[in-house]
PDB file of N, CA and C in Angstrom:
ATOM      1  N   MET A   1      29.286  86.939  53.687  1.00  0.00           N
ATOM      2  CA  MET A   1      30.451  87.679  54.061  1.00  0.00           C
ATOM      3  C   MET A   1      30.320  89.117  53.594  1.00  0.00           C
ATOM      4  N   LYS A   2      30.995  89.996  54.313  1.00  0.00           N
ATOM      5  CA  LYS A   2      30.984  91.420  53.984  1.00  0.00           C
ATOM      6  C   LYS A   2      32.421  91.913  53.879  1.00  0.00           C
ATOM      7  N   GLU A   3      32.593  92.979  53.098  1.00  0.00           N
ATOM      8  CA  GLU A   3      33.863  93.694  53.101  1.00  0.00           C
ATOM      9  C   GLU A   3      33.588  95.086  53.619  1.00  0.00           C
ATOM     10  N   ILE A   4      34.304  95.434  54.656  1.00  0.00           N
ATOM     11  CA  ILE A   4      34.199  96.776  55.233  1.00  0.00           C
ATOM     12  C   ILE A   4      35.356  97.588  54.671  1.00  0.00           C
ATOM     13  N   HIS A   5      35.024  98.746  54.121  1.00  0.00           N
ATOM     14  CA  HIS A   5      36.021  99.687  53.618  1.00  0.00           C
ATOM     15  C   HIS A   5      35.923 100.925  54.495  1.00  0.00           C
ATOM     16  N   ALA A   6      37.052 101.464  54.888  1.00  0.00           N
ATOM     17  CA  ALA A   6      37.046 102.704  55.652  1.00  0.00           C
ATOM     18  C   ALA A   6      38.227 103.554  55.216  1.00  0.00           C
ATOM     19  N   VAL A   7      37.995 104.836  55.081  1.00  0.00           N
ATOM     20  CA  VAL A   7      39.057 105.793  54.823  1.00  0.00           C
ATOM     21  C   VAL A   7      39.064 106.720  56.033  1.00  0.00           C
ATOM     22  N   ILE A   8      40.190 106.726  56.756  1.00  0.00           N
ATOM     23  CA  ILE A   8      40.246 107.466  58.026  1.00  0.00           C
ATOM     24  C   ILE A   8      41.542 108.277  58.117  1.00  0.00           C
ATOM     25  N   ARG A   9      41.605 109.118  59.139  1.00  0.00           N
ATOM     26  CA  ARG A   9      42.809 109.894  59.413  1.00  0.00           C
ATOM     27  C   ARG A   9      43.913 108.949  59.904  1.00  0.00           C
ATOM     28  N   PRO A  10      45.150 109.111  59.417  1.00  0.00           N
ATOM     29  CA  PRO A  10      46.226 108.198  59.797  1.00  0.00           C
ATOM     30  C   PRO A  10      46.492 108.141  61.302  1.00  0.00           C
ATOM     31  N   GLN A  11      46.333 109.245  61.993  1.00  0.00           N
ATOM     32  CA  GLN A  11      46.612 109.258  63.436  1.00  0.00           C
ATOM     33  C   GLN A  11      45.609 108.429  64.236  1.00  0.00           C
ATOM     34  N   LYS A  12      44.499 108.050  63.621  1.00  0.00           N
ATOM     35  CA  LYS A  12      43.492 107.221  64.289  1.00  0.00           C
ATOM     36  C   LYS A  12      43.795 105.728  64.173  1.00  0.00           C
ATOM     37  N   LEU A  13      44.727 105.356  63.312  1.00  0.00           N
ATOM     38  CA  LEU A  13      44.999 103.946  63.050  1.00  0.00           C
ATOM     39  C   LEU A  13      45.509 103.162  64.265  1.00  0.00           C
ATOM     40  N   PRO A  14      46.457 103.659  65.046  1.00  0.00           N
ATOM     41  CA  PRO A  14      46.917 102.861  66.197  1.00  0.00           C
ATOM     42  C   PRO A  14      45.788 102.524  67.176  1.00  0.00           C
ATOM     43  N   ARG A  15      44.940 103.472  67.480  1.00  0.00           N
ATOM     44  CA  ARG A  15      43.819 103.221  68.397  1.00  0.00           C
ATOM     45  C   ARG A  15      42.815 102.259  67.759  1.00  0.00           C
ATOM     46  N   LEU A  16      42.545 102.438  66.461  1.00  0.00           N
ATOM     47  CA  LEU A  16      41.611 101.549  65.774  1.00  0.00           C
ATOM     48  C   LEU A  16      42.124 100.108  65.817  1.00  0.00           C
ATOM     49  N   ARG A  17      43.393  99.934  65.552  1.00  0.00           N
ATOM     50  CA  ARG A  17      43.979  98.585  65.598  1.00  0.00           C
ATOM     51  C   ARG A  17      43.796  97.957  66.976  1.00  0.00           C
ATOM     52  N   GLU A  18      44.057  98.728  67.997  1.00  0.00           N
ATOM     53  CA  GLU A  18      43.909  98.242  69.373  1.00  0.00           C
ATOM     54  C   GLU A  18      42.464  97.825  69.674  1.00  0.00           C
ATOM     55  N   VAL A  19      41.524  98.666  69.286  1.00  0.00           N
ATOM     56  CA  VAL A  19      40.105  98.395  69.552  1.00  0.00           C
ATOM     57  C   VAL A  19      39.612  97.181  68.757  1.00  0.00           C
ATOM     58  N   LEU A  20      39.954  97.118  67.482  1.00  0.00           N
ATOM     59  CA  LEU A  20      39.472  96.009  66.654  1.00  0.00           C
ATOM     60  C   LEU A  20      40.085  94.675  67.067  1.00  0.00           C
ATOM     61  N   ARG A  21      41.348  94.674  67.447  1.00  0.00           N
ATOM     62  CA  ARG A  21      41.985  93.421  67.865  1.00  0.00           C
ATOM     63  C   ARG A  21      41.372  92.868  69.147  1.00  0.00           C
ATOM     64  N   ALA A  22      40.702  93.702  69.914  1.00  0.00           N
ATOM     65  CA  ALA A  22      40.041  93.259  71.142  1.00  0.00           C
ATOM     66  C   ALA A  22      38.666  92.636  70.879  1.00  0.00           C
ATOM     67  N   VAL A  23      38.158  92.765  69.659  1.00  0.00           N
ATOM     68  CA  VAL A  23      36.847  92.213  69.305  1.00  0.00           C
ATOM     69  C   VAL A  23      36.999  90.699  69.059  1.00  0.00           C
ATOM     70  N   PRO A  24      36.266  89.867  69.793  1.00  0.00           N
ATOM     71  CA  PRO A  24      36.346  88.419  69.558  1.00  0.00           C
ATOM     72  C   PRO A  24      35.979  88.071  68.118  1.00  0.00           C
ATOM     73  N   GLY A  25      36.825  87.290  67.476  1.00  0.00           N
ATOM     74  CA  GLY A  25      36.574  86.887  66.103  1.00  0.00           C
ATOM     75  C   GLY A  25      37.071  87.861  65.053  1.00  0.00           C
ATOM     76  N   PHE A  26      37.732  88.946  65.468  1.00  0.00           N
ATOM     77  CA  PHE A  26      38.252  89.920  64.500  1.00  0.00           C
ATOM     78  C   PHE A  26      39.151  89.204  63.500  1.00  0.00           C
ATOM     79  N   PRO A  27      38.846  89.328  62.193  1.00  0.00           N
ATOM     80  CA  PRO A  27      39.562  88.550  61.186  1.00  0.00           C
ATOM     81  C   PRO A  27      40.863  89.164  60.671  1.00  0.00           C
ATOM     82  N   GLY A  28      41.197  90.366  61.092  1.00  0.00           N
ATOM     83  CA  GLY A  28      42.375  91.050  60.567  1.00  0.00           C
ATOM     84  C   GLY A  28      41.968  92.102  59.559  1.00  0.00           C
ATOM     85  N   MET A  29      42.946  92.895  59.119  1.00  0.00           N
ATOM     86  CA  MET A  29      42.637  93.981  58.190  1.00  0.00           C
ATOM     87  C   MET A  29      43.832  94.277  57.302  1.00  0.00           C
ATOM     88  N   THR A  30      43.554  94.913  56.193  1.00  0.00           N
ATOM     89  CA  THR A  30      44.574  95.385  55.274  1.00  0.00           C
ATOM     90  C   THR A  30      44.558  96.902  55.305  1.00  0.00           C
ATOM     91  N   ILE A  31      45.734  97.496  55.363  1.00  0.00           N
ATOM     92  CA  ILE A  31      45.856  98.956  55.433  1.00  0.00           C
ATOM     93  C   ILE A  31      46.647  99.436  54.222  1.00  0.00           C
ATOM     94  N   THR A  32      46.160 100.506  53.607  1.00  0.00           N
ATOM     95  CA  THR A  32      46.872 101.137  52.499  1.00  0.00           C
ATOM     96  C   THR A  32      46.898 102.631  52.724  1.00  0.00           C
ATOM     97  N   ARG A  33      47.991 103.242  52.338  1.00  0.00           N
ATOM     98  CA  ARG A  33      48.060 104.704  52.398  1.00  0.00           C
ATOM     99  C   ARG A  33      47.238 105.286  51.261  1.00  0.00           C
ATOM    100  N   ALA A  34      46.601 106.408  51.534  1.00  0.00           N
ATOM    101  CA  ALA A  34      45.777 107.060  50.517  1.00  0.00           C
ATOM    102  C   ALA A  34      45.853 108.572  50.705  1.00  0.00           C
ATOM    103  N   VAL A  35      45.518 109.286  49.687  1.00  0.00           N
ATOM    104  CA  VAL A  35      45.355 110.739  49.780  1.00  0.00           C
ATOM    105  C   VAL A  35      44.023 111.074  49.139  1.00  0.00           C
ATOM    106  N   GLY A  36      43.417 112.143  49.575  1.00  0.00           N
ATOM    107  CA  GLY A  36      42.129 112.499  49.012  1.00  0.00           C
ATOM    108  C   GLY A  36      41.742 113.925  49.316  1.00  0.00           C
ATOM    109  N   CYS A  37      40.640 114.313  48.720  1.00  0.00           N
ATOM    110  CA  CYS A  37      40.073 115.625  48.999  1.00  0.00           C
ATOM    111  C   CYS A  37      38.565 115.474  49.001  1.00  0.00           C
ATOM    112  N   GLY A  38      37.912 116.330  49.736  1.00  0.00           N
ATOM    113  CA  GLY A  38      36.462 116.289  49.816  1.00  0.00           C
ATOM    114  C   GLY A  38      35.821 116.889  48.579  1.00  0.00           C
ATOM    115  N   ALA A  39      34.531 116.654  48.446  1.00  0.00           N
ATOM    116  CA  ALA A  39      33.794 117.184  47.300  1.00  0.00           C
ATOM    117  C   ALA A  39      33.593 118.689  47.418  1.00  0.00           C
ATOM    118  N   THR A  40      33.464 119.164  48.646  1.00  0.00           N
ATOM    119  CA  THR A  40      33.271 120.600  48.841  1.00  0.00           C
ATOM    120  C   THR A  40      34.574 121.209  49.327  1.00  0.00           C
ATOM    121  N   ALA A  41      35.008 122.235  48.645  1.00  0.00           N
ATOM    122  CA  ALA A  41      36.249 122.912  49.023  1.00  0.00           C
ATOM    123  C   ALA A  41      35.923 124.149  49.850  1.00  0.00           C
ATOM    124  N   ARG A  42      36.819 124.469  50.775  1.00  0.00           N
ATOM    125  CA  ARG A  42      36.639 125.690  51.564  1.00  0.00           C
ATOM    126  C   ARG A  42      36.782 126.918  50.662  1.00  0.00           C
ATOM    127  N   HIS A  43      37.670 126.798  49.719  1.00  0.00           N
ATOM    128  CA  HIS A  43      37.857 127.854  48.729  1.00  0.00           C
ATOM    129  C   HIS A  43      38.451 127.237  47.478  1.00  0.00           C
ATOM    130  N   ALA A  44      38.299 127.911  46.369  1.00  0.00           N
ATOM    131  CA  ALA A  44      38.877 127.418  45.115  1.00  0.00           C
ATOM    132  C   ALA A  44      40.366 127.719  45.116  1.00  0.00           C
ATOM    133  N   PRO A  45      41.191 126.754  44.705  1.00  0.00           N
ATOM    134  CA  PRO A  45      42.632 127.005  44.649  1.00  0.00           C
ATOM    135  C   PRO A  45      42.949 128.168  43.716  1.00  0.00           C
ATOM    136  N   ASN A  46      43.876 129.035  44.157  1.00  0.00           N
ATOM    137  CA  ASN A  46      44.256 130.205  43.372  1.00  0.00           C
ATOM    138  C   ASN A  46      45.536 129.997  42.581  1.00  0.00           C
ATOM    139  N   SER A  47      46.273 128.938  42.897  1.00  0.00           N
ATOM    140  CA  SER A  47      47.542 128.712  42.211  1.00  0.00           C
ATOM    141  C   SER A  47      47.736 127.225  41.987  1.00  0.00           C
ATOM    142  N   ILE A  48      48.713 126.906  41.144  1.00  0.00           N
ATOM    143  CA  ILE A  48      49.010 125.499  40.885  1.00  0.00           C
ATOM    144  C   ILE A  48      49.515 124.821  42.160  1.00  0.00           C
ATOM    145  N   LYS A  49      50.232 125.554  43.007  1.00  0.00           N
ATOM    146  CA  LYS A  49      50.720 124.993  44.271  1.00  0.00           C
ATOM    147  C   LYS A  49      49.542 124.586  45.150  1.00  0.00           C
ATOM    148  N   GLU A  50      48.549 125.454  45.268  1.00  0.00           N
ATOM    149  CA  GLU A  50      47.353 125.113  46.049  1.00  0.00           C
ATOM    150  C   GLU A  50      46.612 123.935  45.432  1.00  0.00           C
ATOM    151  N   GLU A  51      46.554 123.906  44.102  1.00  0.00           N
ATOM    152  CA  GLU A  51      45.868 122.828  43.405  1.00  0.00           C
ATOM    153  C   GLU A  51      46.519 121.477  43.710  1.00  0.00           C
ATOM    154  N   LEU A  52      47.843 121.444  43.758  1.00  0.00           N
ATOM    155  CA  LEU A  52      48.578 120.198  43.978  1.00  0.00           C
ATOM    156  C   LEU A  52      48.655 119.791  45.443  1.00  0.00           C
ATOM    157  N   THR A  53      48.397 120.707  46.351  1.00  0.00           N
ATOM    158  CA  THR A  53      48.511 120.389  47.779  1.00  0.00           C
ATOM    159  C   THR A  53      47.152 120.355  48.477  1.00  0.00           C
ATOM    160  N   ASP A  54      46.082 120.309  47.710  1.00  0.00           N
ATOM    161  CA  ASP A  54      44.736 120.309  48.265  1.00  0.00           C
ATOM    162  C   ASP A  54      44.284 118.903  48.675  1.00  0.00           C
ATOM    163  N   PHE A  55      45.220 118.018  48.937  1.00  0.00           N
ATOM    164  CA  PHE A  55      44.912 116.653  49.322  1.00  0.00           C
ATOM    165  C   PHE A  55      45.404 116.404  50.740  1.00  0.00           C
ATOM    166  N   THR A  56      44.681 115.554  51.471  1.00  0.00           N
ATOM    167  CA  THR A  56      45.101 115.210  52.825  1.00  0.00           C
ATOM    168  C   THR A  56      45.419 113.725  52.894  1.00  0.00           C
ATOM    169  N   ASP A  57      46.382 113.394  53.742  1.00  0.00           N
ATOM    170  CA  ASP A  57      46.755 112.002  53.933  1.00  0.00           C
ATOM    171  C   ASP A  57      45.639 111.256  54.660  1.00  0.00           C
ATOM    172  N   LYS A  58      45.391 110.048  54.212  1.00  0.00           N
ATOM    173  CA  LYS A  58      44.396 109.157  54.823  1.00  0.00           C
ATOM    174  C   LYS A  58      44.968 107.750  54.818  1.00  0.00           C
ATOM    175  N   VAL A  59      44.321 106.848  55.504  1.00  0.00           N
ATOM    176  CA  VAL A  59      44.603 105.429  55.361  1.00  0.00           C
ATOM    177  C   VAL A  59      43.310 104.733  54.996  1.00  0.00           C
ATOM    178  N   ARG A  60      43.443 103.699  54.193  1.00  0.00           N
ATOM    179  CA  ARG A  60      42.280 102.908  53.801  1.00  0.00           C
ATOM    180  C   ARG A  60      42.373 101.565  54.522  1.00  0.00           C
ATOM    181  N   VAL A  61      41.297 101.213  55.187  1.00  0.00           N
ATOM    182  CA  VAL A  61      41.207  99.975  55.944  1.00  0.00           C
ATOM    183  C   VAL A  61      40.229  99.061  55.218  1.00  0.00           C
ATOM    184  N   GLU A  62      40.617  97.806  55.020  1.00  0.00           N
ATOM    185  CA  GLU A  62      39.729  96.832  54.379  1.00  0.00           C
ATOM    186  C   GLU A  62      39.681  95.575  55.241  1.00  0.00           C
ATOM    187  N   ILE A  63      38.473  95.113  55.514  1.00  0.00           N
ATOM    188  CA  ILE A  63      38.264  93.947  56.367  1.00  0.00           C
ATOM    189  C   ILE A  63      37.227  93.042  55.711  1.00  0.00           C
ATOM    190  N   ILE A  64      37.572  91.774  55.521  1.00  0.00           N
ATOM    191  CA  ILE A  64      36.598  90.769  55.090  1.00  0.00           C
ATOM    192  C   ILE A  64      36.135  90.063  56.355  1.00  0.00           C
ATOM    193  N   THR A  65      34.827  90.040  56.580  1.00  0.00           N
ATOM    194  CA  THR A  65      34.314  89.536  57.846  1.00  0.00           C
ATOM    195  C   THR A  65      32.998  88.772  57.660  1.00  0.00           C
ATOM    196  N   PRO A  66      32.708  87.860  58.575  1.00  0.00           N
ATOM    197  CA  PRO A  66      31.383  87.224  58.549  1.00  0.00           C
ATOM    198  C   PRO A  66      30.293  88.278  58.740  1.00  0.00           C
ATOM    199  N   ASP A  67      29.127  88.037  58.165  1.00  0.00           N
ATOM    200  CA  ASP A  67      28.011  88.987  58.244  1.00  0.00           C
ATOM    201  C   ASP A  67      27.705  89.430  59.671  1.00  0.00           C
ATOM    202  N   GLU A  68      27.703  88.472  60.603  1.00  0.00           N
ATOM    203  CA  GLU A  68      27.282  88.784  61.969  1.00  0.00           C
ATOM    204  C   GLU A  68      28.252  89.701  62.714  1.00  0.00           C
ATOM    205  N   LEU A  69      29.470  89.882  62.211  1.00  0.00           N
ATOM    206  CA  LEU A  69      30.451  90.737  62.876  1.00  0.00           C
ATOM    207  C   LEU A  69      30.545  92.124  62.239  1.00  0.00           C
ATOM    208  N   ALA A  70      29.982  92.279  61.042  1.00  0.00           N
ATOM    209  CA  ALA A  70      30.156  93.510  60.270  1.00  0.00           C
ATOM    210  C   ALA A  70      29.658  94.759  60.999  1.00  0.00           C
ATOM    211  N   ASP A  71      28.458  94.743  61.531  1.00  0.00           N
ATOM    212  CA  ASP A  71      27.915  95.932  62.199  1.00  0.00           C
ATOM    213  C   ASP A  71      28.742  96.332  63.413  1.00  0.00           C
ATOM    214  N   THR A  72      29.195  95.361  64.164  1.00  0.00           N
ATOM    215  CA  THR A  72      30.030  95.643  65.339  1.00  0.00           C
ATOM    216  C   THR A  72      31.321  96.326  64.923  1.00  0.00           C
ATOM    217  N   LEU A  73      31.970  95.806  63.885  1.00  0.00           N
ATOM    218  CA  LEU A  73      33.226  96.399  63.423  1.00  0.00           C
ATOM    219  C   LEU A  73      33.018  97.807  62.882  1.00  0.00           C
ATOM    220  N   VAL A  74      31.948  98.004  62.118  1.00  0.00           N
ATOM    221  CA  VAL A  74      31.642  99.345  61.599  1.00  0.00           C
ATOM    222  C   VAL A  74      31.423 100.320  62.754  1.00  0.00           C
ATOM    223  N   ASP A  75      30.671  99.909  63.762  1.00  0.00           N
ATOM    224  CA  ASP A  75      30.433 100.783  64.916  1.00  0.00           C
ATOM    225  C   ASP A  75      31.735 101.169  65.604  1.00  0.00           C
ATOM    226  N   HIS A  76      32.641 100.213  65.746  1.00  0.00           N
ATOM    227  CA  HIS A  76      33.937 100.507  66.364  1.00  0.00           C
ATOM    228  C   HIS A  76      34.764 101.457  65.503  1.00  0.00           C
ATOM    229  N   ILE A  77      34.762 101.243  64.198  1.00  0.00           N
ATOM    230  CA  ILE A  77      35.521 102.121  63.302  1.00  0.00           C
ATOM    231  C   ILE A  77      35.005 103.552  63.400  1.00  0.00           C
ATOM    232  N   VAL A  78      33.699 103.711  63.318  1.00  0.00           N
ATOM    233  CA  VAL A  78      33.108 105.054  63.394  1.00  0.00           C
ATOM    234  C   VAL A  78      33.401 105.694  64.748  1.00  0.00           C
ATOM    235  N   GLY A  79      33.277 104.912  65.809  1.00  0.00           N
ATOM    236  CA  GLY A  79      33.539 105.447  67.150  1.00  0.00           C
ATOM    237  C   GLY A  79      34.960 105.932  67.329  1.00  0.00           C
ATOM    238  N   VAL A  80      35.911 105.178  66.823  1.00  0.00           N
ATOM    239  CA  VAL A  80      37.319 105.551  66.970  1.00  0.00           C
ATOM    240  C   VAL A  80      37.699 106.687  66.026  1.00  0.00           C
ATOM    241  N   ALA A  81      37.218 106.646  64.796  1.00  0.00           N
ATOM    242  CA  ALA A  81      37.658 107.591  63.768  1.00  0.00           C
ATOM    243  C   ALA A  81      36.992 108.959  63.865  1.00  0.00           C
ATOM    244  N   SER A  82      35.886 109.053  64.555  1.00  0.00           N
ATOM    245  CA  SER A  82      35.126 110.299  64.584  1.00  0.00           C
ATOM    246  C   SER A  82      35.755 111.348  65.490  1.00  0.00           C
ATOM    247  N   THR A  83      35.947 112.555  64.939  1.00  0.00           N
ATOM    248  CA  THR A  83      36.370 113.705  65.744  1.00  0.00           C
ATOM    249  C   THR A  83      35.301 114.789  65.713  1.00  0.00           C
ATOM    250  N   GLY A  84      34.298 114.583  64.853  1.00  0.00           N
ATOM    251  CA  GLY A  84      33.258 115.592  64.707  1.00  0.00           C
ATOM    252  C   GLY A  84      33.607 116.663  63.691  1.00  0.00           C
ATOM    253  N   GLN A  85      34.728 116.505  63.012  1.00  0.00           N
ATOM    254  CA  GLN A  85      35.163 117.498  62.038  1.00  0.00           C
ATOM    255  C   GLN A  85      34.997 116.974  60.622  1.00  0.00           C
ATOM    256  N   THR A  86      34.895 117.899  59.671  1.00  0.00           N
ATOM    257  CA  THR A  86      34.894 117.531  58.271  1.00  0.00           C
ATOM    258  C   THR A  86      36.216 116.849  57.958  1.00  0.00           C
ATOM    259  N   GLY A  87      36.162 115.777  57.195  1.00  0.00           N
ATOM    260  CA  GLY A  87      37.384 115.079  56.820  1.00  0.00           C
ATOM    261  C   GLY A  87      37.705 113.888  57.697  1.00  0.00           C
ATOM    262  N   ASP A  88      36.782 113.518  58.593  1.00  0.00           N
ATOM    263  CA  ASP A  88      37.026 112.353  59.449  1.00  0.00           C
ATOM    264  C   ASP A  88      37.133 111.070  58.637  1.00  0.00           C
ATOM    265  N   GLY A  89      36.431 110.985  57.519  1.00  0.00           N
ATOM    266  CA  GLY A  89      36.537 109.805  56.680  1.00  0.00           C
ATOM    267  C   GLY A  89      35.191 109.271  56.264  1.00  0.00           C
ATOM    268  N   LEU A  90      35.213 108.006  55.829  1.00  0.00           N
ATOM    269  CA  LEU A  90      34.023 107.363  55.280  1.00  0.00           C
ATOM    270  C   LEU A  90      34.136 105.869  55.525  1.00  0.00           C
ATOM    271  N   VAL A  91      33.009 105.234  55.814  1.00  0.00           N
ATOM    272  CA  VAL A  91      32.958 103.777  55.973  1.00  0.00           C
ATOM    273  C   VAL A  91      31.822 103.262  55.106  1.00  0.00           C
ATOM    274  N   TRP A  92      32.077 102.182  54.360  1.00  0.00           N
ATOM    275  CA  TRP A  92      31.018 101.549  53.589  1.00  0.00           C
ATOM    276  C   TRP A  92      31.232 100.047  53.590  1.00  0.00           C
ATOM    277  N   VAL A  93      30.151  99.324  53.335  1.00  0.00           N
ATOM    278  CA  VAL A  93      30.168  97.863  53.401  1.00  0.00           C
ATOM    279  C   VAL A  93      29.643  97.311  52.089  1.00  0.00           C
ATOM    280  N   THR A  94      30.334  96.290  51.574  1.00  0.00           N
ATOM    281  CA  THR A  94      29.896  95.624  50.354  1.00  0.00           C
ATOM    282  C   THR A  94      29.767  94.121  50.607  1.00  0.00           C
ATOM    283  N   GLU A  95      28.975  93.500  49.783  1.00  0.00           N
ATOM    284  CA  GLU A  95      28.771  92.046  49.852  1.00  0.00           C
ATOM    285  C   GLU A  95      29.953  91.349  49.185  1.00  0.00           C
ATOM    286  N   VAL A  96      30.396  90.247  49.765  1.00  0.00           N
ATOM    287  CA  VAL A  96      31.478  89.446  49.192  1.00  0.00           C
ATOM    288  C   VAL A  96      30.898  88.102  48.770  1.00  0.00           C
ATOM    289  N   GLN A  97      31.032  87.790  47.516  1.00  0.00           N
ATOM    290  CA  GLN A  97      30.514  86.524  46.998  1.00  0.00           C
ATOM    291  C   GLN A  97      31.364  85.341  47.452  1.00  0.00           C
ATOM    292  N   ARG A  98      32.684  85.542  47.440  1.00  0.00           N
ATOM    293  CA  ARG A  98      33.578  84.444  47.784  1.00  0.00           C
ATOM    294  C   ARG A  98      34.923  85.014  48.215  1.00  0.00           C
ATOM    295  N   ALA A  99      35.510  84.405  49.221  1.00  0.00           N
ATOM    296  CA  ALA A  99      36.854  84.765  49.662  1.00  0.00           C
ATOM    297  C   ALA A  99      37.585  83.478  50.017  1.00  0.00           C
ATOM    298  N   VAL A 100      38.837  83.378  49.614  1.00  0.00           N
ATOM    299  CA  VAL A 100      39.625  82.181  49.850  1.00  0.00           C
ATOM    300  C   VAL A 100      40.977  82.593  50.412  1.00  0.00           C
ATOM    301  N   PHE A 101      41.383  82.001  51.524  1.00  0.00           N
ATOM    302  CA  PHE A 101      42.720  82.234  52.041  1.00  0.00           C
ATOM    303  C   PHE A 101      43.720  81.535  51.123  1.00  0.00           C
ATOM    304  N   ILE A 102      44.815  82.196  50.828  1.00  0.00           N
ATOM    305  CA  ILE A 102      45.849  81.618  49.972  1.00  0.00           C
ATOM    306  C   ILE A 102      46.961  81.111  50.889  1.00  0.00           C
ATOM    307  N   ARG A 103      47.170  79.809  50.839  1.00  0.00           N
ATOM    308  CA  ARG A 103      48.206  79.187  51.648  1.00  0.00           C
ATOM    309  C   ARG A 103      48.923  78.148  50.802  1.00  0.00           C
ATOM    310  N   LYS A 104      50.198  78.000  51.031  1.00  0.00           N
ATOM    311  CA  LYS A 104      50.948  76.954  50.340  1.00  0.00           C
ATOM    312  C   LYS A 104      50.804  75.669  51.136  1.00  0.00           C
ATOM    313  N   THR A 105      50.405  74.634  50.465  1.00  0.00           N
ATOM    314  CA  THR A 105      50.267  73.339  51.115  1.00  0.00           C
ATOM    315  C   THR A 105      51.622  72.679  51.181  1.00  0.00           C
ATOM    316  N   VAL A 106      52.061  72.324  52.374  1.00  0.00           N
ATOM    317  CA  VAL A 106      53.358  71.705  52.579  1.00  0.00           C
ATOM    318  C   VAL A 106      53.386  70.327  51.917  1.00  0.00           C
ATOM    319  N   GLY A 107      54.490  70.048  51.182  1.00  0.00           N
ATOM    320  CA  GLY A 107      54.663  68.736  50.572  1.00  0.00           C
ATOM    321  C   GLY A 107      54.035  68.607  49.196  1.00  0.00           C
ATOM    322  N   THR A 108      53.492  69.684  48.645  1.00  0.00           N
ATOM    323  CA  THR A 108      52.887  69.641  47.323  1.00  0.00           C
ATOM    324  C   THR A 108      53.845  70.280  46.329  1.00  0.00           C
ATOM    325  N   ASP A 109      54.215  69.537  45.297  1.00  0.00           N
ATOM    326  CA  ASP A 109      55.148  70.052  44.307  1.00  0.00           C
ATOM    327  C   ASP A 109      54.469  70.782  43.146  1.00  0.00           C
ATOM    328  N   SER A 110      53.241  70.436  42.859  1.00  0.00           N
ATOM    329  CA  SER A 110      52.562  71.046  41.717  1.00  0.00           C
ATOM    330  C   SER A 110      51.517  72.056  42.189  1.00  0.00           C
ATOM    331  N   LEU A 111      51.161  72.910  41.269  1.00  0.00           N
ATOM    332  CA  LEU A 111      50.151  73.920  41.592  1.00  0.00           C
ATOM    333  C   LEU A 111      48.785  73.429  41.280  1.00  0.00           C
TER     334      LEU A 111
END
């Protein structure tokens, strides 16, 4: 299993959701709001106001998926999220040792 992590522009999320949901076997995703800044700045902040507002809104997408689907999902994420501009985001993949769905078993009184 793999975990796909992506940090993308928020306005790209509706299209990404549409594209990924059309992929057979798509397992679902978790979305979190995030803010960030790049390693290279266009200019050094001159004031505390600039220092505090030098962050851009992003969303973080996380998907746990079977190995055979990971490359396809990454390709779709990159295709949808790319505008060709600095700040489009980042995608990375990590190995997952174990993942378990958490469900309550009906009729069970004890944990």
